[in-house]
C-alpha atoms as a PDB file:
ATOM      1  CA  UNK A   1      -9.506   4.985  22.957  1.00  0.00           C
ATOM      2  CA  UNK A   2      -9.989   1.392  21.813  1.00  0.00           C
ATOM      3  CA  UNK A   3     -13.706   1.383  22.665  1.00  0.00           C
ATOM      4  CA  UNK A   4     -14.195   4.738  20.936  1.00  0.00           C
ATOM      5  CA  UNK A   5     -12.620   3.497  17.693  1.00  0.00           C
ATOM      6  CA  UNK A   6     -14.494   0.188  17.872  1.00  0.00           C
ATOM      7  CA  UNK A   7     -17.691   2.219  18.186  1.00  0.00           C
ATOM      8  CA  UNK A   8     -16.693   4.318  15.157  1.00  0.00           C
ATOM      9  CA  UNK A   9     -16.192   1.176  13.075  1.00  0.00           C
ATOM     10  CA  UNK A  10     -19.537  -0.216  14.199  1.00  0.00           C
ATOM     11  CA  UNK A  11     -21.267   3.090  13.395  1.00  0.00           C
ATOM     12  CA  UNK A  12     -19.567   3.160   9.972  1.00  0.00           C
ATOM     13  CA  UNK A  13     -20.983  -0.283   9.158  1.00  0.00           C
ATOM     14  CA  UNK A  14     -24.420   0.826  10.340  1.00  0.00           C
ATOM     15  CA  UNK A  15     -24.226   4.057   8.308  1.00  0.00           C
ATOM     16  CA  UNK A  16     -23.541   2.045   5.148  1.00  0.00           C
ATOM     17  CA  UNK A  17     -26.595  -0.147   5.736  1.00  0.00           C
ATOM     18  CA  UNK A  18     -29.018   2.715   6.501  1.00  0.00           C
ATOM     19  CA  UNK A  19     -27.496   4.590   4.338  1.00  0.00           C
ATOM     20  CA  UNK A  20     -26.963   8.035   5.831  1.00  0.00           C
ATOM     21  CA  UNK A  21     -24.093  10.309   6.738  1.00  0.00           C
ATOM     22  CA  UNK A  22     -26.340  12.712   8.636  1.00  0.00           C
ATOM     23  CA  UNK A  23     -25.057  12.744  12.212  1.00  0.00           C
ATOM     24  CA  UNK A  24     -28.394  13.860  13.681  1.00  0.00           C
ATOM     25  CA  UNK A  25     -30.232  10.988  11.987  1.00  0.00           C
ATOM     26  CA  UNK A  26     -27.522   8.542  13.061  1.00  0.00           C
ATOM     27  CA  UNK A  27     -27.720   9.834  16.616  1.00  0.00           C
ATOM     28  CA  UNK A  28     -31.486   9.267  16.733  1.00  0.00           C
ATOM     29  CA  UNK A  29     -31.073   5.730  15.422  1.00  0.00           C
ATOM     30  CA  UNK A  30     -28.136   4.400  17.449  1.00  0.00           C
ATOM     31  CA  UNK A  31     -27.179   6.665  20.354  1.00  0.00           C
ATOM     32  CA  UNK A  32     -28.511   4.425  23.149  1.00  0.00           C
ATOM     33  CA  UNK A  33     -27.080   1.294  21.585  1.00  0.00           C
ATOM     34  CA  UNK A  34     -23.634   2.876  21.265  1.00  0.00           C
ATOM     35  CA  UNK A  35     -23.664   3.866  24.933  1.00  0.00           C
ATOM     36  CA  UNK A  36     -24.665   0.372  26.044  1.00  0.00           C
ATOM     37  CA  UNK A  37     -22.612  -1.680  23.590  1.00  0.00           C
ATOM     38  CA  UNK A  38     -19.302   0.167  23.988  1.00  0.00           C
ATOM     39  CA  UNK A  39     -19.660   1.784  27.426  1.00  0.00           C
ATOM     40  CA  UNK A  40     -18.984   5.271  26.114  1.00  0.00           C
ATOM     41  CA  UNK A  41     -19.776   8.451  27.998  1.00  0.00           C
ATOM     42  CA  UNK A  42     -22.387  10.822  26.588  1.00  0.00           C
ATOM     43  CA  UNK A  43     -19.736  13.070  25.039  1.00  0.00           C
ATOM     44  CA  UNK A  44     -17.755  10.210  23.505  1.00  0.00           C
ATOM     45  CA  UNK A  45     -20.876   8.613  21.993  1.00  0.00           C
ATOM     46  CA  UNK A  46     -21.849  11.927  20.371  1.00  0.00           C
ATOM     47  CA  UNK A  47     -18.281  12.500  19.109  1.00  0.00           C
ATOM     48  CA  UNK A  48     -18.090   8.972  17.626  1.00  0.00           C
ATOM     49  CA  UNK A  49     -21.334   9.479  15.719  1.00  0.00           C
ATOM     50  CA  UNK A  50     -20.186  12.898  14.494  1.00  0.00           C
ATOM     51  CA  UNK A  51     -16.775  11.543  13.471  1.00  0.00           C
ATOM     52  CA  UNK A  52     -18.321   8.850  11.288  1.00  0.00           C
ATOM     53  CA  UNK A  53     -20.819  11.299   9.802  1.00  0.00           C
ATOM     54  CA  UNK A  54     -18.026  13.702   8.911  1.00  0.00           C
ATOM     55  CA  UNK A  55     -15.896  10.932   7.399  1.00  0.00           C
ATOM     56  CA  UNK A  56     -18.736   9.803   5.134  1.00  0.00           C
ATOM     57  CA  UNK A  57     -19.643  13.319   4.095  1.00  0.00           C
ATOM     58  CA  UNK A  58     -16.065  13.753   2.840  1.00  0.00           C
ATOM     59  CA  UNK A  59     -15.802  10.343   1.117  1.00  0.00           C
ATOM     60  CA  UNK A  60     -19.187   8.744   0.504  1.00  0.00           C
ATOM     61  CA  UNK A  61     -17.887   6.082  -1.870  1.00  0.00           C
ATOM     62  CA  UNK A  62     -15.123   4.792   0.440  1.00  0.00           C
ATOM     63  CA  UNK A  63     -15.853   2.631   3.477  1.00  0.00           C
ATOM     64  CA  UNK A  64     -14.243   4.371   6.453  1.00  0.00           C
ATOM     65  CA  UNK A  65     -12.203   2.307   8.882  1.00  0.00           C
ATOM     66  CA  UNK A  66     -10.878   3.663  12.165  1.00  0.00           C
ATOM     67  CA  UNK A  67      -7.602   2.374  13.594  1.00  0.00           C
ATOM     68  CA  UNK A  68      -7.732   0.645  16.983  1.00  0.00           C
ATOM     69  CA  UNK A  69      -5.419   3.230  18.567  1.00  0.00           C
ATOM     70  CA  UNK A  70      -6.437   6.192  16.404  1.00  0.00           C
ATOM     71  CA  UNK A  71      -6.784   9.654  17.897  1.00  0.00           C
ATOM     72  CA  UNK A  72      -9.900  10.473  19.902  1.00  0.00           C
ATOM     73  CA  UNK A  73     -11.317  13.979  19.383  1.00  0.00           C
ATOM     74  CA  UNK A  74     -12.270  16.073  22.382  1.00  0.00           C
ATOM     75  CA  UNK A  75     -13.976  19.401  22.933  1.00  0.00           C
END
């Protein structure tokens, strides 16, 4: 949970610099780094990228921040 939310915060910072909220573009740019940097499984890396993309599509002008012990989505 902690690693997932740390990854989401890192992705959010990256998404602001690129800038893009498109989860497919984000995935192409940072998927491997997310897996290595945070030790996430394939599914969790994809879900983290999608979560950030969805957050920015809802609120583009607000920097999203994910709580350390925030909920982790699952399929």
